[in-house]
C-alpha atoms as a PDB file:
ATOM      1  CA  MET A   1      89.122  82.470  -3.175  1.00  0.00           C
ATOM      2  CA  ILE A   2      92.835  82.916  -2.490  1.00  0.00           C
ATOM      3  CA  TYR A   3      94.307  86.234  -1.405  1.00  0.00           C
ATOM      4  CA  THR A   4      97.986  87.019  -1.859  1.00  0.00           C
ATOM      5  CA  VAL A   5      99.289  89.544   0.665  1.00  0.00           C
ATOM      6  CA  ASP A   6     102.508  91.537   0.293  1.00  0.00           C
ATOM      7  CA  GLY A   7     103.577  94.174   2.779  1.00  0.00           C
ATOM      8  CA  GLY A   8     100.229  93.964   4.552  1.00  0.00           C
ATOM      9  CA  MET A   9      98.267  94.700   1.378  1.00  0.00           C
ATOM     10  CA  VAL A  10      96.215  92.293  -0.730  1.00  0.00           C
ATOM     11  CA  VAL A  11      97.960  92.322  -4.105  1.00  0.00           C
ATOM     12  CA  GLU A  12      96.087  89.473  -5.822  1.00  0.00           C
ATOM     13  CA  ALA A  13      92.850  87.576  -5.360  1.00  0.00           C
ATOM     14  CA  GLY A  14      91.327  84.717  -7.297  1.00  0.00           C
ATOM     15  CA  ALA A  15      91.091  80.980  -7.776  1.00  0.00           C
ATOM     16  CA  HIS A  16      94.277  78.913  -7.879  1.00  0.00           C
ATOM     17  CA  ASP A  17      94.156  78.470 -11.665  1.00  0.00           C
ATOM     18  CA  GLU A  18      93.573  82.196 -12.245  1.00  0.00           C
ATOM     19  CA  LEU A  19      96.472  83.202 -10.019  1.00  0.00           C
ATOM     20  CA  MET A  20      98.798  80.690 -11.639  1.00  0.00           C
ATOM     21  CA  ALA A  21      97.853  81.971 -15.107  1.00  0.00           C
ATOM     22  CA  ARG A  22      98.636  85.580 -14.095  1.00  0.00           C
ATOM     23  CA  LYS A  23     102.196  84.564 -13.139  1.00  0.00           C
ATOM     24  CA  GLY A  24     102.288  87.185 -10.405  1.00  0.00           C
ATOM     25  CA  LEU A  25     103.343  86.934  -6.771  1.00  0.00           C
ATOM     26  CA  PHE A  26     101.195  83.873  -6.026  1.00  0.00           C
ATOM     27  CA  TYR A  27     102.756  82.054  -8.970  1.00  0.00           C
ATOM     28  CA  ARG A  28     106.285  82.939  -7.830  1.00  0.00           C
ATOM     29  CA  LEU A  29     105.565  81.831  -4.253  1.00  0.00           C
ATOM     30  CA  HIS A  30     104.010  78.576  -5.477  1.00  0.00           C
ATOM     31  CA  GLU A  31     106.950  77.834  -7.767  1.00  0.00           C
ATOM     32  CA  THR A  32     109.430  78.541  -4.971  1.00  0.00           C
ATOM     33  CA  GLN A  33     107.615  76.270  -2.530  1.00  0.00           C
ATOM     34  CA  PHE A  34     106.909  73.347  -4.855  1.00  0.00           C
ATOM     35  CA  HIS A  35     109.836  73.530  -7.311  1.00  0.00           C
ATOM     36  CA  ASP A  36     111.681  70.524  -5.841  1.00  0.00           C
ATOM     37  CA  GLU A  37     108.525  68.401  -5.709  1.00  0.00           C
ATOM     38  CA  VAL A  38     107.748  69.065  -9.381  1.00  0.00           C
ATOM     39  CA  GLU A  39     111.286  68.117 -10.419  1.00  0.00           C
ATOM     40  CA  ALA A  40     111.125  64.893  -8.377  1.00  0.00           C
ATOM     41  CA  GLU A  41     107.827  63.890 -10.003  1.00  0.00           C
ATOM     42  CA  ALA A  42     109.267  64.512 -13.471  1.00  0.00           C
ATOM     43  CA  ALA A  43     112.254  62.233 -12.849  1.00  0.00           C
END
């Protein structure tokens, strides 16, 4: 179980795949952190 916290409050909870599918805060944080790695793998 992953919990996404924003402003001291849990705003999302779920498995990685569920949170990615929701495209909420967890998704945005994940994309920000791993964006460069995904582009490098695609090249």
